[in-house]
Amino acid sequence: TRAMGDYAPILWLLFACGVAGTALAALGSWLLAKRITRP
């Protein structure tokens, strides 16, 4: 448990990158959906 505590900053950094990537993917898919909805 103490050894894993040393890696906590790396995991939090990965989590932050994941949240940002999810937000960008949601925005891009929303724009794409608007373009192809009518056909």
PDB file of all heavy atoms in Angstrom:
ATOM      1  N   THR A   1       0.831  -1.207   0.000  1.00  0.00           N
ATOM      2  CA  THR A   1       0.000   0.000   0.000  1.00  0.00           C
ATOM      3  C   THR A   1       0.865   1.256   0.000  1.00  0.00           C
ATOM      4  O   THR A   1       0.609   2.215  -0.746  1.00  0.00           O
ATOM      5  CB  THR A   1      -0.929  -0.009   1.223  1.00  0.00           C
ATOM      6  OG1 THR A   1      -1.721  -1.204   1.216  1.00  0.00           O
ATOM      7  CG2 THR A   1      -1.849   1.202   1.218  1.00  0.00           C
ATOM      8  N   ARG A   2       1.921   1.237   0.813  1.00  0.00           N
ATOM      9  CA  ARG A   2       2.816   2.403   0.853  1.00  0.00           C
ATOM     10  C   ARG A   2       3.569   2.560  -0.460  1.00  0.00           C
ATOM     11  O   ARG A   2       3.778   3.668  -0.951  1.00  0.00           O
ATOM     12  CB  ARG A   2       3.798   2.243   2.024  1.00  0.00           C
ATOM     13  CG  ARG A   2       4.701   3.464   2.221  1.00  0.00           C
ATOM     14  CD  ARG A   2       5.550   3.303   3.453  1.00  0.00           C
ATOM     15  NE  ARG A   2       6.471   2.168   3.281  1.00  0.00           N
ATOM     16  CZ  ARG A   2       7.250   1.701   4.268  1.00  0.00           C
ATOM     17  NH1 ARG A   2       7.185   2.234   5.469  1.00  0.00           N
ATOM     18  NH2 ARG A   2       8.057   0.689   4.043  1.00  0.00           N
ATOM     19  N   ALA A   3       3.948   1.415  -1.061  1.00  0.00           N
ATOM     20  CA  ALA A   3       4.645   1.502  -2.346  1.00  0.00           C
ATOM     21  C   ALA A   3       3.746   2.080  -3.427  1.00  0.00           C
ATOM     22  O   ALA A   3       4.186   2.876  -4.267  1.00  0.00           O
ATOM     23  CB  ALA A   3       5.142   0.111  -2.751  1.00  0.00           C
ATOM     24  N   MET A   4       2.466   1.674  -3.418  1.00  0.00           N
ATOM     25  CA  MET A   4       1.538   2.198  -4.429  1.00  0.00           C
ATOM     26  C   MET A   4       1.263   3.682  -4.222  1.00  0.00           C
ATOM     27  O   MET A   4       0.914   4.399  -5.162  1.00  0.00           O
ATOM     28  CB  MET A   4       0.228   1.420  -4.376  1.00  0.00           C
ATOM     29  CG  MET A   4       0.326   0.015  -4.970  1.00  0.00           C
ATOM     30  SD  MET A   4       0.797   0.049  -6.706  1.00  0.00           S
ATOM     31  CE  MET A   4      -0.582   0.932  -7.398  1.00  0.00           C
ATOM     32  N   GLY A   5       1.393   4.140  -2.988  1.00  0.00           N
ATOM     33  CA  GLY A   5       1.179   5.561  -2.737  1.00  0.00           C
ATOM     34  C   GLY A   5       2.162   6.443  -3.492  1.00  0.00           C
ATOM     35  O   GLY A   5       1.855   7.590  -3.830  1.00  0.00           O
ATOM     36  N   ASP A   6       3.347   5.909  -3.778  1.00  0.00           N
ATOM     37  CA  ASP A   6       4.338   6.697  -4.512  1.00  0.00           C
ATOM     38  C   ASP A   6       3.922   6.915  -5.967  1.00  0.00           C
ATOM     39  O   ASP A   6       4.418   7.837  -6.623  1.00  0.00           O
ATOM     40  CB  ASP A   6       5.692   5.995  -4.463  1.00  0.00           C
ATOM     41  CG  ASP A   6       6.212   5.879  -3.027  1.00  0.00           C
ATOM     42  OD1 ASP A   6       5.801   6.705  -2.186  1.00  0.00           O
ATOM     43  OD2 ASP A   6       7.015   4.961  -2.756  1.00  0.00           O
ATOM     44  N   TYR A   7       3.030   6.037  -6.476  1.00  0.00           N
ATOM     45  CA  TYR A   7       2.609   6.160  -7.877  1.00  0.00           C
ATOM     46  C   TYR A   7       1.293   6.924  -8.016  1.00  0.00           C
ATOM     47  O   TYR A   7       0.782   7.076  -9.128  1.00  0.00           O
ATOM     48  CB  TYR A   7       2.421   4.766  -8.489  1.00  0.00           C
ATOM     49  CG  TYR A   7       3.707   3.983  -8.606  1.00  0.00           C
ATOM     50  CD1 TYR A   7       4.044   3.030  -7.653  1.00  0.00           C
ATOM     51  CD2 TYR A   7       4.571   4.193  -9.670  1.00  0.00           C
ATOM     52  CE1 TYR A   7       5.220   2.304  -7.752  1.00  0.00           C
ATOM     53  CE2 TYR A   7       5.744   3.467  -9.783  1.00  0.00           C
ATOM     54  CZ  TYR A   7       6.072   2.527  -8.822  1.00  0.00           C
ATOM     55  OH  TYR A   7       7.224   1.802  -8.929  1.00  0.00           O
ATOM     56  N   ALA A   8       0.715   7.397  -6.917  1.00  0.00           N
ATOM     57  CA  ALA A   8      -0.581   8.075  -6.977  1.00  0.00           C
ATOM     58  C   ALA A   8      -0.565   9.296  -7.895  1.00  0.00           C
ATOM     59  O   ALA A   8      -1.515   9.518  -8.655  1.00  0.00           O
ATOM     60  CB  ALA A   8      -1.031   8.473  -5.560  1.00  0.00           C
ATOM     61  N   PRO A   9       0.485  10.132  -7.903  1.00  0.00           N
ATOM     62  CA  PRO A   9       0.471  11.295  -8.818  1.00  0.00           C
ATOM     63  C   PRO A   9       0.343  10.896 -10.286  1.00  0.00           C
ATOM     64  O   PRO A   9      -0.339  11.573 -11.057  1.00  0.00           O
ATOM     65  CB  PRO A   9       1.815  11.974  -8.533  1.00  0.00           C
ATOM     66  CG  PRO A   9       2.153  11.577  -7.134  1.00  0.00           C
ATOM     67  CD  PRO A   9       1.659  10.173  -6.986  1.00  0.00           C
ATOM     68  N   ILE A  10       0.993   9.796 -10.668  1.00  0.00           N
ATOM     69  CA  ILE A  10       0.910   9.352 -12.065  1.00  0.00           C
ATOM     70  C   ILE A  10      -0.521   8.949 -12.400  1.00  0.00           C
ATOM     71  O   ILE A  10      -1.055   9.294 -13.465  1.00  0.00           O
ATOM     72  CB  ILE A  10       1.878   8.188 -12.304  1.00  0.00           C
ATOM     73  CG1 ILE A  10       3.320   8.636 -12.056  1.00  0.00           C
ATOM     74  CG2 ILE A  10       1.723   7.632 -13.709  1.00  0.00           C
ATOM     75  CD1 ILE A  10       4.334   7.532 -12.187  1.00  0.00           C
ATOM     76  N   LEU A  11      -1.179   8.222 -11.494  1.00  0.00           N
ATOM     77  CA  LEU A  11      -2.549   7.786 -11.738  1.00  0.00           C
ATOM     78  C   LEU A  11      -3.502   8.967 -11.824  1.00  0.00           C
ATOM     79  O   LEU A  11      -4.417   8.996 -12.671  1.00  0.00           O
ATOM     80  CB  LEU A  11      -2.990   6.818 -10.631  1.00  0.00           C
ATOM     81  CG  LEU A  11      -2.215   5.484 -10.565  1.00  0.00           C
ATOM     82  CD1 LEU A  11      -2.678   4.670  -9.367  1.00  0.00           C
ATOM     83  CD2 LEU A  11      -2.418   4.697 -11.848  1.00  0.00           C
ATOM     84  N   TRP A  12      -3.305   9.952 -10.967  1.00  0.00           N
ATOM     85  CA  TRP A  12      -4.175  11.142 -11.025  1.00  0.00           C
ATOM     86  C   TRP A  12      -3.976  11.907 -12.327  1.00  0.00           C
ATOM     87  O   TRP A  12      -4.928  12.439 -12.908  1.00  0.00           O
ATOM     88  CB  TRP A  12      -3.913  12.058  -9.833  1.00  0.00           C
ATOM     89  CG  TRP A  12      -4.575  11.584  -8.579  1.00  0.00           C
ATOM     90  CD1 TRP A  12      -3.991  11.067  -7.476  1.00  0.00           C
ATOM     91  CD2 TRP A  12      -5.979  11.599  -8.338  1.00  0.00           C
ATOM     92  NE1 TRP A  12      -4.936  10.736  -6.537  1.00  0.00           N
ATOM     93  CE2 TRP A  12      -6.172  11.052  -7.034  1.00  0.00           C
ATOM     94  CE3 TRP A  12      -7.084  12.011  -9.062  1.00  0.00           C
ATOM     95  CZ2 TRP A  12      -7.426  10.917  -6.472  1.00  0.00           C
ATOM     96  CZ3 TRP A  12      -8.332  11.879  -8.497  1.00  0.00           C
ATOM     97  CH2 TRP A  12      -8.506  11.332  -7.221  1.00  0.00           C
ATOM     98  N   LEU A  13      -2.736  11.936 -12.808  1.00  0.00           N
ATOM     99  CA  LEU A  13      -2.466  12.603 -14.082  1.00  0.00           C
ATOM    100  C   LEU A  13      -3.173  11.878 -15.231  1.00  0.00           C
ATOM    101  O   LEU A  13      -3.780  12.510 -16.108  1.00  0.00           O
ATOM    102  CB  LEU A  13      -0.954  12.656 -14.336  1.00  0.00           C
ATOM    103  CG  LEU A  13      -0.516  13.295 -15.671  1.00  0.00           C
ATOM    104  CD1 LEU A  13      -0.987  14.745 -15.737  1.00  0.00           C
ATOM    105  CD2 LEU A  13       1.007  13.213 -15.831  1.00  0.00           C
ATOM    106  N   LEU A  14      -3.115  10.556 -15.218  1.00  0.00           N
ATOM    107  CA  LEU A  14      -3.811   9.780 -16.245  1.00  0.00           C
ATOM    108  C   LEU A  14      -5.324  10.011 -16.170  1.00  0.00           C
ATOM    109  O   LEU A  14      -6.003  10.111 -17.205  1.00  0.00           O
ATOM    110  CB  LEU A  14      -3.503   8.290 -16.075  1.00  0.00           C
ATOM    111  CG  LEU A  14      -2.074   7.854 -16.414  1.00  0.00           C
ATOM    112  CD1 LEU A  14      -1.893   6.375 -16.076  1.00  0.00           C
ATOM    113  CD2 LEU A  14      -1.778   8.096 -17.894  1.00  0.00           C
ATOM    114  N   PHE A  15      -5.850  10.104 -14.957  1.00  0.00           N
ATOM    115  CA  PHE A  15      -7.279  10.340 -14.790  1.00  0.00           C
ATOM    116  C   PHE A  15      -7.684  11.695 -15.371  1.00  0.00           C
ATOM    117  O   PHE A  15      -8.704  11.831 -16.063  1.00  0.00           O
ATOM    118  CB  PHE A  15      -7.645  10.257 -13.312  1.00  0.00           C
ATOM    119  CG  PHE A  15      -9.095  10.546 -13.029  1.00  0.00           C
ATOM    120  CD1 PHE A  15     -10.066   9.609 -13.332  1.00  0.00           C
ATOM    121  CD2 PHE A  15      -9.482  11.768 -12.489  1.00  0.00           C
ATOM    122  CE1 PHE A  15     -11.404   9.886 -13.085  1.00  0.00           C
ATOM    123  CE2 PHE A  15     -10.811  12.035 -12.237  1.00  0.00           C
ATOM    124  CZ  PHE A  15     -11.778  11.094 -12.536  1.00  0.00           C
ATOM    125  N   ALA A  16      -6.880  12.717 -15.109  1.00  0.00           N
ATOM    126  CA  ALA A  16      -7.180  14.059 -15.627  1.00  0.00           C
ATOM    127  C   ALA A  16      -7.154  14.067 -17.149  1.00  0.00           C
ATOM    128  O   ALA A  16      -8.017  14.660 -17.806  1.00  0.00           O
ATOM    129  CB  ALA A  16      -6.178  15.072 -15.066  1.00  0.00           C
ATOM    130  N   CYS A  17      -6.168  13.375 -17.738  1.00  0.00           N
ATOM    131  CA  CYS A  17      -6.107  13.288 -19.202  1.00  0.00           C
ATOM    132  C   CYS A  17      -7.328  12.558 -19.754  1.00  0.00           C
ATOM    133  O   CYS A  17      -7.872  12.926 -20.810  1.00  0.00           O
ATOM    134  CB  CYS A  17      -4.822  12.578 -19.626  1.00  0.00           C
ATOM    135  SG  CYS A  17      -3.315  13.503 -19.272  1.00  0.00           S
ATOM    136  N   GLY A  18      -7.786  11.550 -19.052  1.00  0.00           N
ATOM    137  CA  GLY A  18      -8.957  10.800 -19.498  1.00  0.00           C
ATOM    138  C   GLY A  18     -10.218  11.638 -19.474  1.00  0.00           C
ATOM    139  O   GLY A  18     -11.043  11.582 -20.397  1.00  0.00           O
ATOM    140  N   VAL A  19     -10.384  12.440 -18.410  1.00  0.00           N
ATOM    141  CA  VAL A  19     -11.562  13.301 -18.321  1.00  0.00           C
ATOM    142  C   VAL A  19     -11.558  14.317 -19.461  1.00  0.00           C
ATOM    143  O   VAL A  19     -12.577  14.571 -20.118  1.00  0.00           O
ATOM    144  CB  VAL A  19     -11.615  14.001 -16.954  1.00  0.00           C
ATOM    145  CG1 VAL A  19     -12.708  15.060 -16.931  1.00  0.00           C
ATOM    146  CG2 VAL A  19     -11.850  12.969 -15.859  1.00  0.00           C
ATOM    147  N   ALA A  20     -10.392  14.875 -19.729  1.00  0.00           N
ATOM    148  CA  ALA A  20     -10.299  15.853 -20.813  1.00  0.00           C
ATOM    149  C   ALA A  20     -10.588  15.199 -22.159  1.00  0.00           C
ATOM    150  O   ALA A  20     -11.296  15.754 -23.007  1.00  0.00           O
ATOM    151  CB  ALA A  20      -8.903  16.485 -20.819  1.00  0.00           C
ATOM    152  N   GLY A  21     -10.050  13.986 -22.379  1.00  0.00           N
ATOM    153  CA  GLY A  21     -10.305  13.286 -23.634  1.00  0.00           C
ATOM    154  C   GLY A  21     -11.775  12.954 -23.813  1.00  0.00           C
ATOM    155  O   GLY A  21     -12.313  13.047 -24.927  1.00  0.00           O
ATOM    156  N   THR A  22     -12.440  12.571 -22.722  1.00  0.00           N
ATOM    157  CA  THR A  22     -13.871  12.261 -22.801  1.00  0.00           C
ATOM    158  C   THR A  22     -14.678  13.491 -23.192  1.00  0.00           C
ATOM    159  O   THR A  22     -15.604  13.430 -24.022  1.00  0.00           O
ATOM    160  CB  THR A  22     -14.356  11.711 -21.453  1.00  0.00           C
ATOM    161  OG1 THR A  22     -13.608  10.545 -21.105  1.00  0.00           O
ATOM    162  CG2 THR A  22     -15.832  11.353 -21.514  1.00  0.00           C
ATOM    163  N   ALA A  23     -14.327  14.622 -22.618  1.00  0.00           N
ATOM    164  CA  ALA A  23     -15.038  15.861 -22.947  1.00  0.00           C
ATOM    165  C   ALA A  23     -14.842  16.235 -24.410  1.00  0.00           C
ATOM    166  O   ALA A  23     -15.789  16.626 -25.110  1.00  0.00           O
ATOM    167  CB  ALA A  23     -14.561  16.993 -22.036  1.00  0.00           C
ATOM    168  N   LEU A  24     -13.621  16.102 -24.914  1.00  0.00           N
ATOM    169  CA  LEU A  24     -13.354  16.422 -26.313  1.00  0.00           C
ATOM    170  C   LEU A  24     -14.096  15.464 -27.246  1.00  0.00           C
ATOM    171  O   LEU A  24     -14.631  15.868 -28.284  1.00  0.00           O
ATOM    172  CB  LEU A  24     -11.849  16.367 -26.578  1.00  0.00           C
ATOM    173  CG  LEU A  24     -11.008  17.491 -25.951  1.00  0.00           C
ATOM    174  CD1 LEU A  24      -9.537  17.254 -26.197  1.00  0.00           C
ATOM    175  CD2 LEU A  24     -11.434  18.857 -26.507  1.00  0.00           C
ATOM    176  N   ALA A  25     -14.134  14.169 -26.894  1.00  0.00           N
ATOM    177  CA  ALA A  25     -14.840  13.196 -27.719  1.00  0.00           C
ATOM    178  C   ALA A  25     -16.339  13.494 -27.760  1.00  0.00           C
ATOM    179  O   ALA A  25     -16.984  13.370 -28.812  1.00  0.00           O
ATOM    180  CB  ALA A  25     -14.602  11.790 -27.181  1.00  0.00           C
ATOM    181  N   ALA A  26     -16.920  13.894 -26.620  1.00  0.00           N
ATOM    182  CA  ALA A  26     -18.338  14.227 -26.586  1.00  0.00           C
ATOM    183  C   ALA A  26     -18.638  15.425 -27.478  1.00  0.00           C
ATOM    184  O   ALA A  26     -19.620  15.442 -28.236  1.00  0.00           O
ATOM    185  CB  ALA A  26     -18.776  14.509 -25.149  1.00  0.00           C
ATOM    186  N   LEU A  27     -17.772  16.432 -27.435  1.00  0.00           N
ATOM    187  CA  LEU A  27     -17.977  17.615 -28.264  1.00  0.00           C
ATOM    188  C   LEU A  27     -17.871  17.266 -29.746  1.00  0.00           C
ATOM    189  O   LEU A  27     -18.711  17.672 -30.573  1.00  0.00           O
ATOM    190  CB  LEU A  27     -16.959  18.695 -27.889  1.00  0.00           C
ATOM    191  CG  LEU A  27     -17.007  19.990 -28.720  1.00  0.00           C
ATOM    192  CD1 LEU A  27     -18.368  20.674 -28.566  1.00  0.00           C
ATOM    193  CD2 LEU A  27     -15.865  20.933 -28.311  1.00  0.00           C
ATOM    194  N   GLY A  28     -16.843  16.509 -30.119  1.00  0.00           N
ATOM    195  CA  GLY A  28     -16.665  16.154 -31.522  1.00  0.00           C
ATOM    196  C   GLY A  28     -17.802  15.292 -32.051  1.00  0.00           C
ATOM    197  O   GLY A  28     -18.280  15.478 -33.174  1.00  0.00           O
ATOM    198  N   SER A  29     -18.265  14.333 -31.259  1.00  0.00           N
ATOM    199  CA  SER A  29     -19.355  13.475 -31.706  1.00  0.00           C
ATOM    200  C   SER A  29     -20.661  14.251 -31.842  1.00  0.00           C
ATOM    201  O   SER A  29     -21.479  13.976 -32.717  1.00  0.00           O
ATOM    202  CB  SER A  29     -19.536  12.302 -30.729  1.00  0.00           C
ATOM    203  OG  SER A  29     -19.825  12.779 -29.425  1.00  0.00           O
ATOM    204  N   TRP A  30     -20.838  15.269 -30.987  1.00  0.00           N
ATOM    205  CA  TRP A  30     -22.055  16.088 -31.099  1.00  0.00           C
ATOM    206  C   TRP A  30     -22.067  16.874 -32.410  1.00  0.00           C
ATOM    207  O   TRP A  30     -23.066  16.950 -33.109  1.00  0.00           O
ATOM    208  CB  TRP A  30     -22.136  17.039 -29.898  1.00  0.00           C
ATOM    209  CG  TRP A  30     -23.339  17.938 -29.944  1.00  0.00           C
ATOM    210  CD1 TRP A  30     -24.626  17.609 -29.726  1.00  0.00           C
ATOM    211  CD2 TRP A  30     -23.331  19.337 -30.252  1.00  0.00           C
ATOM    212  NE1 TRP A  30     -25.453  18.683 -29.867  1.00  0.00           N
ATOM    213  CE2 TRP A  30     -24.674  19.785 -30.194  1.00  0.00           C
ATOM    214  CE3 TRP A  30     -22.315  20.255 -30.563  1.00  0.00           C
ATOM    215  CZ2 TRP A  30     -25.025  21.097 -30.439  1.00  0.00           C
ATOM    216  CZ3 TRP A  30     -22.668  21.573 -30.798  1.00  0.00           C
ATOM    217  CH2 TRP A  30     -24.012  21.984 -30.746  1.00  0.00           C
ATOM    218  N   LEU A  31     -20.920  17.423 -32.770  1.00  0.00           N
ATOM    219  CA  LEU A  31     -20.811  18.151 -34.029  1.00  0.00           C
ATOM    220  C   LEU A  31     -21.014  17.215 -35.223  1.00  0.00           C
ATOM    221  O   LEU A  31     -21.680  17.565 -36.209  1.00  0.00           O
ATOM    222  CB  LEU A  31     -19.443  18.837 -34.121  1.00  0.00           C
ATOM    223  CG  LEU A  31     -19.183  19.949 -33.079  1.00  0.00           C
ATOM    224  CD1 LEU A  31     -17.757  20.456 -33.190  1.00  0.00           C
ATOM    225  CD2 LEU A  31     -20.176  21.097 -33.255  1.00  0.00           C
ATOM    226  N   LEU A  32     -20.439  15.998 -35.149  1.00  0.00           N
ATOM    227  CA  LEU A  32     -20.590  15.042 -36.237  1.00  0.00           C
ATOM    228  C   LEU A  32     -22.036  14.578 -36.367  1.00  0.00           C
ATOM    229  O   LEU A  32     -22.563  14.413 -37.478  1.00  0.00           O
ATOM    230  CB  LEU A  32     -19.672  13.839 -35.993  1.00  0.00           C
ATOM    231  CG  LEU A  32     -19.720  12.716 -37.030  1.00  0.00           C
ATOM    232  CD1 LEU A  32     -19.275  13.233 -38.393  1.00  0.00           C
ATOM    233  CD2 LEU A  32     -18.846  11.553 -36.590  1.00  0.00           C
ATOM    234  N   ALA A  33     -22.714  14.381 -35.240  1.00  0.00           N
ATOM    235  CA  ALA A  33     -24.101  13.924 -35.266  1.00  0.00           C
ATOM    236  C   ALA A  33     -25.009  14.948 -35.937  1.00  0.00           C
ATOM    237  O   ALA A  33     -25.931  14.600 -36.681  1.00  0.00           O
ATOM    238  CB  ALA A  33     -24.585  13.648 -33.841  1.00  0.00           C
ATOM    239  N   LYS A  34     -24.728  16.240 -35.695  1.00  0.00           N
ATOM    240  CA  LYS A  34     -25.547  17.270 -36.324  1.00  0.00           C
ATOM    241  C   LYS A  34     -25.414  17.211 -37.849  1.00  0.00           C
ATOM    242  O   LYS A  34     -26.375  17.461 -38.578  1.00  0.00           O
ATOM    243  CB  LYS A  34     -25.123  18.658 -35.820  1.00  0.00           C
ATOM    244  CG  LYS A  34     -25.557  18.959 -34.392  1.00  0.00           C
ATOM    245  CD  LYS A  34     -25.238  20.391 -34.027  1.00  0.00           C
ATOM    246  CE  LYS A  34     -26.040  21.357 -34.890  1.00  0.00           C
ATOM    247  NZ  LYS A  34     -25.797  22.780 -34.529  1.00  0.00           N
ATOM    248  N   ARG A  35     -24.223  16.847 -38.330  1.00  0.00           N
ATOM    249  CA  ARG A  35     -23.989  16.837 -39.771  1.00  0.00           C
ATOM    250  C   ARG A  35     -24.687  15.684 -40.475  1.00  0.00           C
ATOM    251  O   ARG A  35     -25.137  15.817 -41.617  1.00  0.00           O
ATOM    252  CB  ARG A  35     -22.477  16.779 -40.032  1.00  0.00           C
ATOM    253  CG  ARG A  35     -22.106  16.764 -41.511  1.00  0.00           C
ATOM    254  CD  ARG A  35     -20.609  16.842 -41.673  1.00  0.00           C
ATOM    255  NE  ARG A  35     -20.236  16.797 -43.070  1.00  0.00           N
ATOM    256  CZ  ARG A  35     -20.001  15.682 -43.773  1.00  0.00           C
ATOM    257  NH1 ARG A  35     -20.128  14.515 -43.161  1.00  0.00           N
ATOM    258  NH2 ARG A  35     -19.662  15.734 -45.043  1.00  0.00           N
ATOM    259  N   ILE A  36     -24.783  14.513 -39.815  1.00  0.00           N
ATOM    260  CA  ILE A  36     -25.319  13.327 -40.494  1.00  0.00           C
ATOM    261  C   ILE A  36     -26.749  12.976 -40.069  1.00  0.00           C
ATOM    262  O   ILE A  36     -27.328  12.014 -40.569  1.00  0.00           O
ATOM    263  CB  ILE A  36     -24.405  12.112 -40.228  1.00  0.00           C
ATOM    264  CG1 ILE A  36     -24.373  11.755 -38.749  1.00  0.00           C
ATOM    265  CG2 ILE A  36     -23.011  12.351 -40.734  1.00  0.00           C
ATOM    266  CD1 ILE A  36     -23.546  10.513 -38.436  1.00  0.00           C
ATOM    267  N   THR A  37     -27.330  13.749 -39.174  1.00  0.00           N
ATOM    268  CA  THR A  37     -28.672  13.421 -38.691  1.00  0.00           C
ATOM    269  C   THR A  37     -29.711  13.506 -39.797  1.00  0.00           C
ATOM    270  O   THR A  37     -30.571  12.616 -39.931  1.00  0.00           O
ATOM    271  CB  THR A  37     -29.064  14.365 -37.538  1.00  0.00           C
ATOM    272  OG1 THR A  37     -28.175  14.187 -36.458  1.00  0.00           O
ATOM    273  CG2 THR A  37     -30.480  14.091 -37.091  1.00  0.00           C
ATOM    274  N   ARG A  38     -29.652  14.562 -40.622  1.00  0.00           N
ATOM    275  CA  ARG A  38     -30.691  14.768 -41.628  1.00  0.00           C
ATOM    276  C   ARG A  38     -30.706  13.645 -42.669  1.00  0.00           C
ATOM    277  O   ARG A  38     -31.771  13.084 -42.959  1.00  0.00           O
ATOM    278  CB  ARG A  38     -30.508  16.134 -42.287  1.00  0.00           C
ATOM    279  CG  ARG A  38     -31.633  16.490 -43.262  1.00  0.00           C
ATOM    280  CD  ARG A  38     -31.473  17.880 -43.817  1.00  0.00           C
ATOM    281  NE  ARG A  38     -31.610  18.896 -42.763  1.00  0.00           N
ATOM    282  CZ  ARG A  38     -30.601  19.582 -42.247  1.00  0.00           C
ATOM    283  NH1 ARG A  38     -29.369  19.382 -42.691  1.00  0.00           N
ATOM    284  NH2 ARG A  38     -30.796  20.474 -41.303  1.00  0.00           N
ATOM    285  N   PRO A  39     -29.560  13.235 -43.262  1.00  0.00           N
ATOM    286  CA  PRO A  39     -29.608  12.116 -44.215  1.00  0.00           C
ATOM    287  C   PRO A  39     -30.073  10.813 -43.580  1.00  0.00           C
ATOM    288  O   PRO A  39     -30.799  10.024 -44.199  1.00  0.00           O
ATOM    289  CB  PRO A  39     -28.169  12.023 -44.728  1.00  0.00           C
ATOM    290  CG  PRO A  39     -27.575  13.372 -44.487  1.00  0.00           C
ATOM    291  CD  PRO A  39     -28.232  13.866 -43.237  1.00  0.00           C
TER     292      PRO A  39
END
